[in-house]
Amino acid sequence: MSTQMSKDVGCPNCGTAVRTEMWPGICAQEHPELRSHILDETFFDWTCPHCGYSAQFEYPCLYHDRERRFMIYLAPTGSGQEFKPVDVSEKFPQLAGVTKRVVASPAELKEKILIFESGLDDYAVELVKLGLSDVLEQKDGIKTLRAYFCGADESANRICFAFCQEGKNGFTLRKTSMDAYHKSLEITERFRGNDENLFVPVDSLTARDMLDEYFAEEA
């Protein structure tokens, strides 16, 4: 169920209190236009009507896709790894079987939506992303700052990511085969643990820990 509220937000530039619409709860099926704004990266755009100052106004919100059975909680306070897994099984038994994630930025929220709408496992996607990032760093000698899933095509045997590298402007698109994803899926099935009832962060740190476990067992 979508929830809407309004609050006064002080403009950082002119100090004017601006009545601002907020959506603490977003249901993809009830408000598909909100989903579109998240994906085109305009959902958190904020402009002062008095002085024209523009900024990103980020706030906590819960995104829910009933049909695909996933929920993503955006808590824009830092790295998602700062959040402890939250077990909701006792209070909300109706959420059993729903994939639940916590993210720390609008970009991560968008990425999770794209991953789950593609029918993919985000643990495996993070493993592929990490592998590609390591390859790029070894090849170019440049650190990857951020990377995001862009899309996948099983029939074309490719999965695509956008990489932001240190010292470079913008993002660079890179792709690899879906074979890498399926191999990563085998690893996740062995090491992911049971998170069915938990809101958890799944990101590059999660993938690194999982990969370390895998190599330790293989050694």
N, C-alpha and C. Protein backbone atom coordinates (compact mmCIF):
# COMPACT_ATOMS: atom_id res chain seq x y z
N MET A 1 0.84 -1.19 0.00
CA MET A 1 0.00 0.00 0.00
C MET A 1 0.88 1.25 0.00
N SER A 2 0.60 2.18 -0.88
CA SER A 2 1.36 3.42 -0.95
C SER A 2 0.91 4.38 0.14
N THR A 3 1.85 5.14 0.68
CA THR A 3 1.54 6.15 1.69
C THR A 3 2.17 7.47 1.27
N GLN A 4 1.42 8.54 1.44
CA GLN A 4 1.87 9.87 1.03
C GLN A 4 1.76 10.82 2.20
N MET A 5 2.68 11.78 2.28
CA MET A 5 2.65 12.79 3.33
C MET A 5 3.30 14.05 2.80
N SER A 6 3.09 15.16 3.51
CA SER A 6 3.72 16.43 3.16
C SER A 6 4.38 17.01 4.40
N LYS A 7 5.52 17.68 4.19
CA LYS A 7 6.20 18.35 5.30
C LYS A 7 6.92 19.58 4.77
N ASP A 8 7.18 20.51 5.66
CA ASP A 8 7.93 21.71 5.29
C ASP A 8 9.42 21.39 5.27
N VAL A 9 10.07 21.73 4.16
CA VAL A 9 11.50 21.53 4.01
C VAL A 9 12.15 22.90 3.81
N GLY A 10 13.12 23.21 4.66
CA GLY A 10 13.80 24.49 4.54
C GLY A 10 14.78 24.51 3.38
N CYS A 11 14.69 25.48 2.53
CA CYS A 11 15.60 25.60 1.40
C CYS A 11 17.00 25.94 1.91
N PRO A 12 18.02 25.16 1.55
CA PRO A 12 19.39 25.44 2.01
C PRO A 12 19.94 26.76 1.48
N ASN A 13 19.34 27.26 0.41
CA ASN A 13 19.86 28.48 -0.22
C ASN A 13 19.22 29.75 0.33
N CYS A 14 17.87 29.78 0.35
CA CYS A 14 17.19 31.01 0.78
C CYS A 14 16.49 30.89 2.13
N GLY A 15 16.39 29.66 2.65
CA GLY A 15 15.79 29.46 3.96
C GLY A 15 14.28 29.37 3.98
N THR A 16 13.63 29.51 2.83
CA THR A 16 12.18 29.45 2.76
C THR A 16 11.68 28.03 3.07
N ALA A 17 10.61 27.93 3.85
CA ALA A 17 9.99 26.64 4.13
C ALA A 17 9.10 26.25 2.96
N VAL A 18 9.40 25.15 2.34
CA VAL A 18 8.66 24.71 1.15
C VAL A 18 7.88 23.44 1.49
N ARG A 19 6.58 23.48 1.29
CA ARG A 19 5.74 22.30 1.53
C ARG A 19 6.09 21.26 0.47
N THR A 20 6.54 20.10 0.90
CA THR A 20 7.08 19.10 -0.01
C THR A 20 6.34 17.77 0.12
N GLU A 21 5.96 17.20 -1.01
CA GLU A 21 5.28 15.90 -1.05
C GLU A 21 6.31 14.78 -0.88
N MET A 22 5.99 13.81 -0.03
CA MET A 22 6.88 12.67 0.21
C MET A 22 6.08 11.38 0.14
N TRP A 23 6.77 10.30 -0.23
CA TRP A 23 6.15 8.98 -0.32
C TRP A 23 6.95 7.98 0.52
N PRO A 24 6.61 7.84 1.81
CA PRO A 24 7.32 6.88 2.67
C PRO A 24 7.07 5.42 2.25
N GLY A 25 5.94 5.17 1.60
CA GLY A 25 5.62 3.83 1.10
C GLY A 25 5.21 3.89 -0.35
N ILE A 26 5.81 3.03 -1.18
CA ILE A 26 5.53 3.04 -2.62
C ILE A 26 5.15 1.63 -3.07
N CYS A 27 3.95 1.49 -3.60
CA CYS A 27 3.53 0.22 -4.19
C CYS A 27 3.62 0.37 -5.71
N ALA A 28 4.42 -0.49 -6.33
CA ALA A 28 4.66 -0.38 -7.77
C ALA A 28 3.38 -0.53 -8.57
N GLN A 29 2.47 -1.36 -8.11
CA GLN A 29 1.24 -1.60 -8.85
C GLN A 29 0.24 -0.46 -8.69
N GLU A 30 0.24 0.19 -7.54
CA GLU A 30 -0.70 1.29 -7.32
C GLU A 30 -0.25 2.58 -7.99
N HIS A 31 1.06 2.81 -8.00
CA HIS A 31 1.58 4.06 -8.55
C HIS A 31 2.77 3.77 -9.47
N PRO A 32 2.51 3.27 -10.66
CA PRO A 32 3.60 2.96 -11.59
C PRO A 32 4.39 4.20 -12.00
N GLU A 33 3.78 5.38 -11.90
CA GLU A 33 4.51 6.60 -12.25
C GLU A 33 5.65 6.87 -11.28
N LEU A 34 5.48 6.45 -10.01
CA LEU A 34 6.56 6.63 -9.04
C LEU A 34 7.73 5.71 -9.37
N ARG A 35 7.41 4.49 -9.79
CA ARG A 35 8.46 3.57 -10.25
C ARG A 35 9.24 4.20 -11.39
N SER A 36 8.53 4.79 -12.35
CA SER A 36 9.18 5.41 -13.49
C SER A 36 10.12 6.54 -13.06
N HIS A 37 9.70 7.33 -12.07
CA HIS A 37 10.53 8.43 -11.60
C HIS A 37 11.78 7.91 -10.89
N ILE A 38 11.65 6.78 -10.19
CA ILE A 38 12.83 6.18 -9.56
C ILE A 38 13.82 5.71 -10.62
N LEU A 39 13.29 5.07 -11.66
CA LEU A 39 14.16 4.51 -12.69
C LEU A 39 14.79 5.60 -13.57
N ASP A 40 14.10 6.72 -13.76
CA ASP A 40 14.73 7.79 -14.55
C ASP A 40 15.48 8.79 -13.66
N GLU A 41 15.58 8.43 -12.37
CA GLU A 41 16.41 9.16 -11.40
C GLU A 41 15.93 10.59 -11.15
N THR A 42 14.61 10.78 -11.16
CA THR A 42 14.05 12.10 -10.87
C THR A 42 13.17 12.08 -9.61
N PHE A 43 12.98 10.93 -9.01
CA PHE A 43 12.03 10.79 -7.89
C PHE A 43 12.40 11.71 -6.73
N PHE A 44 13.69 11.85 -6.43
CA PHE A 44 14.12 12.65 -5.28
C PHE A 44 14.55 14.07 -5.67
N ASP A 45 14.25 14.48 -6.90
CA ASP A 45 14.58 15.85 -7.31
C ASP A 45 13.73 16.84 -6.52
N TRP A 46 14.36 17.91 -6.07
CA TRP A 46 13.67 18.93 -5.28
C TRP A 46 14.12 20.31 -5.74
N THR A 47 13.16 21.20 -5.97
CA THR A 47 13.47 22.55 -6.42
C THR A 47 12.71 23.57 -5.58
N CYS A 48 13.39 24.56 -5.10
CA CYS A 48 12.74 25.63 -4.33
C CYS A 48 11.98 26.54 -5.30
N PRO A 49 10.68 26.72 -5.12
CA PRO A 49 9.90 27.58 -6.04
C PRO A 49 10.19 29.06 -5.86
N HIS A 50 10.91 29.42 -4.79
CA HIS A 50 11.17 30.83 -4.52
C HIS A 50 12.48 31.32 -5.12
N CYS A 51 13.54 30.49 -5.00
CA CYS A 51 14.84 30.94 -5.50
C CYS A 51 15.38 30.06 -6.62
N GLY A 52 14.71 28.92 -6.88
CA GLY A 52 15.14 28.04 -7.97
C GLY A 52 16.25 27.07 -7.61
N TYR A 53 16.65 27.06 -6.34
CA TYR A 53 17.70 26.13 -5.90
C TYR A 53 17.23 24.68 -6.09
N SER A 54 18.10 23.84 -6.66
CA SER A 54 17.74 22.44 -6.91
C SER A 54 18.69 21.51 -6.19
N ALA A 55 18.16 20.39 -5.71
CA ALA A 55 18.97 19.41 -5.00
C ALA A 55 18.25 18.07 -4.99
N GLN A 56 18.94 17.06 -4.49
CA GLN A 56 18.33 15.76 -4.25
C GLN A 56 17.86 15.72 -2.81
N PHE A 57 16.56 15.52 -2.61
CA PHE A 57 16.00 15.42 -1.27
C PHE A 57 15.68 13.95 -1.00
N GLU A 58 16.61 13.29 -0.33
CA GLU A 58 16.47 11.86 -0.07
C GLU A 58 15.89 11.63 1.32
N TYR A 59 15.03 10.64 1.43
CA TYR A 59 14.41 10.31 2.70
C TYR A 59 14.07 8.82 2.72
N PRO A 60 13.91 8.23 3.90
CA PRO A 60 13.60 6.80 3.98
C PRO A 60 12.27 6.48 3.32
N CYS A 61 12.25 5.40 2.55
CA CYS A 61 10.99 4.95 1.96
C CYS A 61 11.07 3.45 1.67
N LEU A 62 9.91 2.84 1.63
CA LEU A 62 9.81 1.40 1.39
C LEU A 62 9.13 1.17 0.04
N TYR A 63 9.84 0.50 -0.86
CA TYR A 63 9.32 0.20 -2.20
C TYR A 63 8.85 -1.26 -2.20
N HIS A 64 7.62 -1.47 -2.68
CA HIS A 64 7.03 -2.81 -2.64
C HIS A 64 6.46 -3.17 -4.01
N ASP A 65 6.91 -4.31 -4.54
CA ASP A 65 6.33 -4.85 -5.77
C ASP A 65 5.58 -6.13 -5.39
N ARG A 66 4.25 -6.01 -5.33
CA ARG A 66 3.44 -7.15 -4.88
C ARG A 66 3.51 -8.32 -5.86
N GLU A 67 3.48 -8.01 -7.16
CA GLU A 67 3.43 -9.07 -8.16
C GLU A 67 4.72 -9.88 -8.19
N ARG A 68 5.86 -9.20 -8.10
CA ARG A 68 7.15 -9.89 -8.15
C ARG A 68 7.65 -10.27 -6.77
N ARG A 69 6.93 -9.88 -5.74
CA ARG A 69 7.20 -10.28 -4.36
C ARG A 69 8.59 -9.86 -3.88
N PHE A 70 8.83 -8.56 -3.94
CA PHE A 70 10.05 -8.04 -3.32
C PHE A 70 9.77 -6.69 -2.70
N MET A 71 10.55 -6.38 -1.66
CA MET A 71 10.46 -5.11 -0.96
C MET A 71 11.88 -4.57 -0.78
N ILE A 72 12.03 -3.26 -0.96
CA ILE A 72 13.33 -2.62 -0.80
C ILE A 72 13.16 -1.40 0.09
N TYR A 73 13.92 -1.36 1.17
CA TYR A 73 13.84 -0.23 2.08
C TYR A 73 15.05 0.68 1.85
N LEU A 74 14.80 1.91 1.46
CA LEU A 74 15.86 2.89 1.28
C LEU A 74 16.07 3.64 2.60
N ALA A 75 17.28 3.53 3.14
CA ALA A 75 17.66 4.24 4.36
C ALA A 75 18.92 5.05 4.04
N PRO A 76 18.77 6.26 3.53
CA PRO A 76 19.93 7.03 3.03
C PRO A 76 20.78 7.64 4.14
N THR A 77 21.46 6.79 4.89
CA THR A 77 22.30 7.27 6.00
C THR A 77 23.73 6.78 5.90
N GLY A 78 24.10 6.15 4.79
CA GLY A 78 25.46 5.62 4.66
C GLY A 78 25.44 4.27 3.99
N SER A 79 26.49 3.50 4.20
CA SER A 79 26.60 2.18 3.60
C SER A 79 25.53 1.25 4.12
N GLY A 80 24.93 0.47 3.24
CA GLY A 80 23.93 -0.49 3.66
C GLY A 80 24.45 -1.50 4.65
N GLN A 81 25.77 -1.71 4.68
CA GLN A 81 26.35 -2.66 5.61
C GLN A 81 26.27 -2.18 7.05
N GLU A 82 25.91 -0.90 7.26
CA GLU A 82 25.77 -0.39 8.62
C GLU A 82 24.50 -0.92 9.29
N PHE A 83 23.58 -1.46 8.50
CA PHE A 83 22.31 -1.90 9.04
C PHE A 83 22.35 -3.37 9.41
N LYS A 84 21.89 -3.67 10.59
CA LYS A 84 21.79 -5.06 11.00
C LYS A 84 20.56 -5.68 10.37
N PRO A 85 20.63 -6.97 10.01
CA PRO A 85 19.45 -7.62 9.45
C PRO A 85 18.25 -7.52 10.39
N VAL A 86 17.10 -7.20 9.86
CA VAL A 86 15.89 -7.04 10.67
C VAL A 86 14.92 -8.16 10.37
N ASP A 87 14.60 -8.95 11.40
CA ASP A 87 13.69 -10.08 11.24
C ASP A 87 12.26 -9.60 11.43
N VAL A 88 11.43 -9.77 10.41
CA VAL A 88 10.05 -9.30 10.47
C VAL A 88 9.06 -10.46 10.49
N SER A 89 9.54 -11.69 10.68
CA SER A 89 8.69 -12.87 10.54
C SER A 89 7.57 -12.92 11.57
N GLU A 90 7.85 -12.50 12.81
CA GLU A 90 6.83 -12.59 13.86
C GLU A 90 5.78 -11.51 13.72
N LYS A 91 6.22 -10.28 13.43
CA LYS A 91 5.28 -9.17 13.35
C LYS A 91 4.51 -9.16 12.04
N PHE A 92 5.18 -9.60 10.95
CA PHE A 92 4.54 -9.57 9.63
C PHE A 92 4.69 -10.93 8.93
N PRO A 93 3.97 -11.95 9.42
CA PRO A 93 4.09 -13.28 8.83
C PRO A 93 3.66 -13.32 7.37
N GLN A 94 2.86 -12.34 6.94
CA GLN A 94 2.40 -12.30 5.54
C GLN A 94 3.54 -11.98 4.58
N LEU A 95 4.68 -11.55 5.10
CA LEU A 95 5.82 -11.23 4.25
C LEU A 95 6.75 -12.42 4.03
N ALA A 96 6.38 -13.56 4.54
CA ALA A 96 7.19 -14.76 4.30
C ALA A 96 7.24 -15.04 2.81
N GLY A 97 8.43 -15.32 2.31
CA GLY A 97 8.59 -15.60 0.89
C GLY A 97 8.78 -14.36 0.04
N VAL A 98 8.70 -13.17 0.66
CA VAL A 98 8.95 -11.92 -0.06
C VAL A 98 10.43 -11.56 0.11
N THR A 99 11.13 -11.30 -0.99
CA THR A 99 12.53 -10.88 -0.91
C THR A 99 12.60 -9.49 -0.31
N LYS A 100 13.46 -9.32 0.71
CA LYS A 100 13.51 -8.06 1.44
C LYS A 100 14.96 -7.55 1.48
N ARG A 101 15.15 -6.31 1.04
CA ARG A 101 16.48 -5.73 0.99
C ARG A 101 16.48 -4.33 1.60
N VAL A 102 17.66 -3.91 2.08
CA VAL A 102 17.86 -2.53 2.54
C VAL A 102 18.99 -1.94 1.72
N VAL A 103 18.81 -0.71 1.25
CA VAL A 103 19.82 -0.03 0.44
C VAL A 103 20.06 1.36 1.02
N ALA A 104 21.18 1.98 0.60
CA ALA A 104 21.58 3.24 1.20
C ALA A 104 21.50 4.43 0.25
N SER A 105 21.13 4.22 -1.01
CA SER A 105 21.08 5.33 -1.96
C SER A 105 20.00 5.09 -3.01
N PRO A 106 19.50 6.16 -3.63
CA PRO A 106 18.53 6.02 -4.72
C PRO A 106 19.08 5.17 -5.87
N ALA A 107 20.38 5.28 -6.15
CA ALA A 107 20.98 4.49 -7.23
C ALA A 107 20.90 3.00 -6.92
N GLU A 108 21.11 2.64 -5.66
CA GLU A 108 21.01 1.24 -5.26
C GLU A 108 19.57 0.76 -5.30
N LEU A 109 18.64 1.65 -4.94
CA LEU A 109 17.21 1.31 -5.03
C LEU A 109 16.85 1.00 -6.48
N LYS A 110 17.26 1.86 -7.38
CA LYS A 110 17.00 1.64 -8.81
C LYS A 110 17.60 0.32 -9.27
N GLU A 111 18.84 0.06 -8.86
CA GLU A 111 19.52 -1.16 -9.29
C GLU A 111 18.77 -2.41 -8.82
N LYS A 112 18.35 -2.42 -7.55
CA LYS A 112 17.64 -3.60 -7.03
C LYS A 112 16.33 -3.83 -7.80
N ILE A 113 15.63 -2.75 -8.11
CA ILE A 113 14.39 -2.89 -8.87
C ILE A 113 14.68 -3.54 -10.22
N LEU A 114 15.71 -3.07 -10.91
CA LEU A 114 16.06 -3.64 -12.22
C LEU A 114 16.46 -5.10 -12.11
N ILE A 115 17.21 -5.44 -11.07
CA ILE A 115 17.63 -6.83 -10.87
C ILE A 115 16.43 -7.74 -10.66
N PHE A 116 15.56 -7.36 -9.74
CA PHE A 116 14.43 -8.22 -9.41
C PHE A 116 13.39 -8.26 -10.52
N GLU A 117 13.22 -7.15 -11.23
CA GLU A 117 12.29 -7.16 -12.37
C GLU A 117 12.83 -8.04 -13.50
N SER A 118 14.14 -8.24 -13.54
CA SER A 118 14.75 -9.12 -14.54
C SER A 118 14.70 -10.58 -14.12
N GLY A 119 14.18 -10.83 -12.91
CA GLY A 119 14.07 -12.20 -12.43
C GLY A 119 15.39 -12.79 -11.98
N LEU A 120 16.35 -11.93 -11.60
CA LEU A 120 17.68 -12.40 -11.23
C LEU A 120 17.87 -12.40 -9.72
N ASP A 121 18.88 -13.13 -9.29
CA ASP A 121 19.27 -13.21 -7.88
C ASP A 121 20.32 -12.13 -7.63
N ASP A 122 20.07 -11.23 -6.68
CA ASP A 122 21.00 -10.11 -6.50
C ASP A 122 22.34 -10.52 -5.89
N TYR A 123 22.37 -11.62 -5.13
CA TYR A 123 23.65 -12.12 -4.63
C TYR A 123 24.55 -12.50 -5.81
N ALA A 124 23.99 -13.24 -6.75
CA ALA A 124 24.77 -13.68 -7.91
C ALA A 124 25.18 -12.49 -8.77
N VAL A 125 24.29 -11.52 -8.93
CA VAL A 125 24.61 -10.33 -9.70
C VAL A 125 25.77 -9.58 -9.06
N GLU A 126 25.77 -9.48 -7.74
CA GLU A 126 26.86 -8.80 -7.04
C GLU A 126 28.18 -9.54 -7.24
N LEU A 127 28.14 -10.86 -7.28
CA LEU A 127 29.36 -11.63 -7.52
C LEU A 127 29.91 -11.37 -8.91
N VAL A 128 29.04 -11.34 -9.91
CA VAL A 128 29.48 -11.06 -11.27
C VAL A 128 30.06 -9.64 -11.34
N LYS A 129 29.39 -8.69 -10.74
CA LYS A 129 29.86 -7.31 -10.74
C LYS A 129 31.24 -7.20 -10.09
N LEU A 130 31.41 -7.89 -8.97
CA LEU A 130 32.69 -7.87 -8.27
C LEU A 130 33.80 -8.48 -9.14
N GLY A 131 33.49 -9.59 -9.81
CA GLY A 131 34.47 -10.22 -10.68
C GLY A 131 34.89 -9.31 -11.82
N LEU A 132 33.90 -8.66 -12.44
CA LEU A 132 34.20 -7.73 -13.53
C LEU A 132 35.01 -6.54 -13.03
N SER A 133 34.67 -6.06 -11.85
CA SER A 133 35.38 -4.93 -11.28
C SER A 133 36.85 -5.28 -11.04
N ASP A 134 37.11 -6.48 -10.52
CA ASP A 134 38.49 -6.91 -10.27
C ASP A 134 39.26 -7.04 -11.58
N VAL A 135 38.60 -7.56 -12.60
CA VAL A 135 39.24 -7.70 -13.92
C VAL A 135 39.61 -6.34 -14.48
N LEU A 136 38.69 -5.39 -14.38
CA LEU A 136 38.94 -4.05 -14.90
C LEU A 136 40.08 -3.36 -14.15
N GLU A 137 40.12 -3.55 -12.83
CA GLU A 137 41.18 -2.93 -12.04
C GLU A 137 42.54 -3.51 -12.41
N GLN A 138 42.59 -4.82 -12.63
CA GLN A 138 43.85 -5.46 -13.01
C GLN A 138 44.27 -5.04 -14.42
N LYS A 139 43.30 -4.90 -15.30
CA LYS A 139 43.59 -4.54 -16.69
C LYS A 139 43.99 -3.08 -16.85
N ASP A 140 43.23 -2.17 -16.22
CA ASP A 140 43.45 -0.75 -16.40
C ASP A 140 44.28 -0.11 -15.29
N GLY A 141 44.40 -0.82 -14.17
CA GLY A 141 45.12 -0.24 -13.03
C GLY A 141 44.37 0.91 -12.40
N ILE A 142 43.04 0.93 -12.56
CA ILE A 142 42.21 2.02 -12.04
C ILE A 142 41.14 1.43 -11.11
N LYS A 143 41.00 2.04 -9.96
CA LYS A 143 40.03 1.56 -8.97
C LYS A 143 38.60 1.85 -9.41
N THR A 144 37.72 0.88 -9.19
CA THR A 144 36.30 1.08 -9.44
C THR A 144 35.67 1.75 -8.21
N LEU A 145 35.01 2.88 -8.43
CA LEU A 145 34.36 3.60 -7.34
C LEU A 145 32.94 3.10 -7.10
N ARG A 146 32.19 2.93 -8.19
CA ARG A 146 30.82 2.45 -8.11
C ARG A 146 30.51 1.63 -9.35
N ALA A 147 29.59 0.71 -9.22
CA ALA A 147 29.17 -0.08 -10.37
C ALA A 147 27.72 -0.50 -10.16
N TYR A 148 26.95 -0.52 -11.26
CA TYR A 148 25.53 -0.83 -11.16
C TYR A 148 25.10 -1.76 -12.29
N PHE A 149 24.21 -2.67 -11.96
CA PHE A 149 23.59 -3.55 -12.95
C PHE A 149 22.73 -2.72 -13.89
N CYS A 150 22.84 -3.00 -15.20
CA CYS A 150 22.05 -2.28 -16.20
C CYS A 150 20.98 -3.14 -16.85
N GLY A 151 21.28 -4.42 -17.06
CA GLY A 151 20.31 -5.28 -17.71
C GLY A 151 20.93 -6.62 -18.08
N ALA A 152 20.07 -7.56 -18.46
CA ALA A 152 20.53 -8.90 -18.84
C ALA A 152 19.64 -9.42 -19.97
N ASP A 153 20.26 -10.21 -20.84
CA ASP A 153 19.55 -10.81 -21.96
C ASP A 153 20.01 -12.25 -22.08
N GLU A 154 19.16 -13.16 -21.62
CA GLU A 154 19.52 -14.58 -21.63
C GLU A 154 19.71 -15.09 -23.06
N SER A 155 18.85 -14.66 -23.98
CA SER A 155 18.93 -15.14 -25.36
C SER A 155 20.21 -14.67 -26.04
N ALA A 156 20.70 -13.49 -25.68
CA ALA A 156 21.94 -12.97 -26.25
C ALA A 156 23.15 -13.35 -25.40
N ASN A 157 22.90 -14.03 -24.28
CA ASN A 157 23.96 -14.49 -23.38
C ASN A 157 24.83 -13.33 -22.90
N ARG A 158 24.18 -12.29 -22.37
CA ARG A 158 24.97 -11.18 -21.85
C ARG A 158 24.28 -10.53 -20.64
N ILE A 159 25.11 -10.01 -19.76
CA ILE A 159 24.67 -9.24 -18.60
C ILE A 159 25.54 -8.00 -18.55
N CYS A 160 24.91 -6.83 -18.32
CA CYS A 160 25.61 -5.55 -18.49
C CYS A 160 25.66 -4.75 -17.19
N PHE A 161 26.76 -4.00 -17.04
CA PHE A 161 26.97 -3.16 -15.86
C PHE A 161 27.55 -1.82 -16.29
N ALA A 162 27.33 -0.80 -15.46
CA ALA A 162 27.93 0.51 -15.66
C ALA A 162 28.94 0.73 -14.55
N PHE A 163 30.19 1.05 -14.92
CA PHE A 163 31.27 1.22 -13.96
C PHE A 163 31.73 2.68 -13.94
N CYS A 164 31.89 3.20 -12.73
CA CYS A 164 32.49 4.51 -12.54
C CYS A 164 33.88 4.28 -11.95
N GLN A 165 34.92 4.67 -12.69
CA GLN A 165 36.29 4.42 -12.27
C GLN A 165 36.97 5.71 -11.82
N GLU A 166 37.90 5.55 -10.90
CA GLU A 166 38.62 6.67 -10.33
C GLU A 166 39.33 7.47 -11.41
N GLY A 167 39.13 8.79 -11.39
CA GLY A 167 39.79 9.66 -12.35
C GLY A 167 39.09 9.78 -13.69
N LYS A 168 37.99 9.06 -13.87
CA LYS A 168 37.25 9.11 -15.13
C LYS A 168 35.88 9.74 -14.92
N ASN A 169 35.44 10.52 -15.87
CA ASN A 169 34.12 11.13 -15.80
C ASN A 169 33.06 10.18 -16.33
N GLY A 170 31.91 10.16 -15.67
CA GLY A 170 30.80 9.34 -16.15
C GLY A 170 31.02 7.85 -15.94
N PHE A 171 30.17 7.09 -16.59
CA PHE A 171 30.19 5.63 -16.43
C PHE A 171 30.61 4.96 -17.73
N THR A 172 31.25 3.81 -17.59
CA THR A 172 31.66 2.99 -18.73
C THR A 172 30.87 1.70 -18.70
N LEU A 173 30.24 1.34 -19.81
CA LEU A 173 29.45 0.12 -19.88
C LEU A 173 30.36 -1.08 -20.16
N ARG A 174 30.13 -2.15 -19.41
CA ARG A 174 30.86 -3.40 -19.61
C ARG A 174 29.87 -4.56 -19.55
N LYS A 175 30.14 -5.59 -20.29
CA LYS A 175 29.25 -6.74 -20.30
C LYS A 175 30.06 -8.03 -20.24
N THR A 176 29.39 -9.08 -19.80
CA THR A 176 29.98 -10.40 -19.80
C THR A 176 28.86 -11.40 -20.10
N SER A 177 29.21 -12.67 -20.15
CA SER A 177 28.20 -13.67 -20.52
C SER A 177 27.33 -14.04 -19.33
N MET A 178 26.14 -14.50 -19.62
CA MET A 178 25.25 -15.00 -18.57
C MET A 178 25.81 -16.26 -17.94
N ASP A 179 26.78 -16.89 -18.60
CA ASP A 179 27.44 -18.06 -18.00
C ASP A 179 28.07 -17.68 -16.67
N ALA A 180 28.64 -16.47 -16.61
CA ALA A 180 29.25 -15.99 -15.37
C ALA A 180 28.19 -15.85 -14.28
N TYR A 181 27.01 -15.39 -14.68
CA TYR A 181 25.92 -15.27 -13.70
C TYR A 181 25.50 -16.64 -13.18
N HIS A 182 25.35 -17.60 -14.06
CA HIS A 182 24.91 -18.93 -13.63
C HIS A 182 25.95 -19.61 -12.74
N LYS A 183 27.23 -19.39 -13.02
CA LYS A 183 28.29 -19.90 -12.15
C LYS A 183 28.21 -19.24 -10.79
N SER A 184 27.98 -17.93 -10.78
CA SER A 184 27.85 -17.21 -9.51
C SER A 184 26.63 -17.67 -8.73
N LEU A 185 25.58 -18.03 -9.44
CA LEU A 185 24.37 -18.52 -8.80
C LEU A 185 24.65 -19.81 -8.04
N GLU A 186 25.50 -20.66 -8.59
CA GLU A 186 25.88 -21.89 -7.90
C GLU A 186 26.60 -21.58 -6.59
N ILE A 187 27.45 -20.55 -6.62
CA ILE A 187 28.17 -20.17 -5.40
C ILE A 187 27.22 -19.61 -4.36
N THR A 188 26.29 -18.76 -4.77
CA THR A 188 25.37 -18.15 -3.82
C THR A 188 24.49 -19.20 -3.14
N GLU A 189 24.11 -20.22 -3.88
CA GLU A 189 23.26 -21.26 -3.31
C GLU A 189 23.97 -22.02 -2.20
N ARG A 190 25.30 -21.99 -2.22
CA ARG A 190 26.08 -22.69 -1.19
C ARG A 190 26.38 -21.81 0.01
N PHE A 191 26.48 -20.50 -0.19
CA PHE A 191 27.01 -19.64 0.87
C PHE A 191 26.10 -18.49 1.32
N ARG A 192 24.93 -18.35 0.76
CA ARG A 192 24.12 -17.17 1.06
C ARG A 192 23.44 -17.23 2.43
N GLY A 193 23.18 -18.40 2.96
CA GLY A 193 22.47 -18.48 4.23
C GLY A 193 20.98 -18.29 4.04
N ASN A 194 20.24 -18.29 5.14
CA ASN A 194 18.79 -18.15 5.08
C ASN A 194 18.38 -16.74 5.47
N ASP A 195 17.93 -15.95 4.50
CA ASP A 195 17.53 -14.58 4.79
C ASP A 195 16.06 -14.33 4.45
N GLU A 196 15.28 -15.39 4.38
CA GLU A 196 13.90 -15.27 3.93
C GLU A 196 13.10 -14.28 4.75
N ASN A 197 13.35 -14.21 6.06
CA ASN A 197 12.55 -13.35 6.93
C ASN A 197 13.24 -12.03 7.26
N LEU A 198 14.35 -11.73 6.59
CA LEU A 198 15.17 -10.61 6.98
C LEU A 198 15.22 -9.50 5.92
N PHE A 199 15.25 -8.26 6.40
CA PHE A 199 15.65 -7.14 5.56
C PHE A 199 17.17 -7.06 5.66
N VAL A 200 17.88 -7.30 4.57
CA VAL A 200 19.34 -7.34 4.61
C VAL A 200 19.95 -6.51 3.47
N PRO A 201 21.17 -5.98 3.69
CA PRO A 201 21.91 -5.36 2.60
C PRO A 201 22.62 -6.44 1.80
N VAL A 202 22.58 -6.35 0.50
CA VAL A 202 23.33 -7.27 -0.38
C VAL A 202 24.08 -6.40 -1.36
N ASP A 203 25.40 -6.27 -1.16
CA ASP A 203 26.20 -5.38 -2.00
C ASP A 203 27.58 -5.97 -2.23
N SER A 204 28.54 -5.12 -2.60
CA SER A 204 29.88 -5.61 -2.93
C SER A 204 30.58 -6.24 -1.73
N LEU A 205 30.33 -5.72 -0.54
CA LEU A 205 30.94 -6.31 0.66
C LEU A 205 30.38 -7.70 0.91
N THR A 206 29.08 -7.86 0.68
CA THR A 206 28.45 -9.17 0.80
C THR A 206 29.08 -10.15 -0.18
N ALA A 207 29.26 -9.70 -1.42
CA ALA A 207 29.85 -10.55 -2.45
C ALA A 207 31.28 -10.92 -2.10
N ARG A 208 32.06 -9.96 -1.59
CA ARG A 208 33.46 -10.24 -1.23
C ARG A 208 33.54 -11.28 -0.13
N ASP A 209 32.69 -11.15 0.88
CA ASP A 209 32.68 -12.14 1.97
C ASP A 209 32.32 -13.52 1.44
N MET A 210 31.34 -13.58 0.55
CA MET A 210 30.91 -14.85 -0.02
C MET A 210 32.02 -15.49 -0.86
N LEU A 211 32.72 -14.65 -1.61
CA LEU A 211 33.79 -15.15 -2.46
C LEU A 211 34.96 -15.64 -1.60
N ASP A 212 35.24 -14.96 -0.50
CA ASP A 212 36.30 -15.42 0.41
C ASP A 212 35.96 -16.79 0.98
N GLU A 213 34.69 -16.98 1.35
CA GLU A 213 34.26 -18.29 1.86
C GLU A 213 34.43 -19.36 0.80
N TYR A 214 34.09 -19.02 -0.41
CA TYR A 214 34.18 -19.98 -1.52
C TYR A 214 35.63 -20.41 -1.74
N PHE A 215 36.54 -19.46 -1.82
CA PHE A 215 37.94 -19.78 -2.08
C PHE A 215 38.57 -20.52 -0.89
N ALA A 216 38.13 -20.18 0.34
CA ALA A 216 38.64 -20.87 1.53
C ALA A 216 38.22 -22.34 1.51
N GLU A 217 37.01 -22.60 1.08
CA GLU A 217 36.53 -23.98 1.01
C GLU A 217 37.21 -24.75 -0.12
N GLU A 218 37.50 -24.04 -1.25
CA GLU A 218 38.12 -24.69 -2.39
C GLU A 218 39.60 -24.96 -2.18
N ALA A 219 40.22 -24.22 -1.26
CA ALA A 219 41.67 -24.35 -1.04
C ALA A 219 42.02 -25.72 -0.42
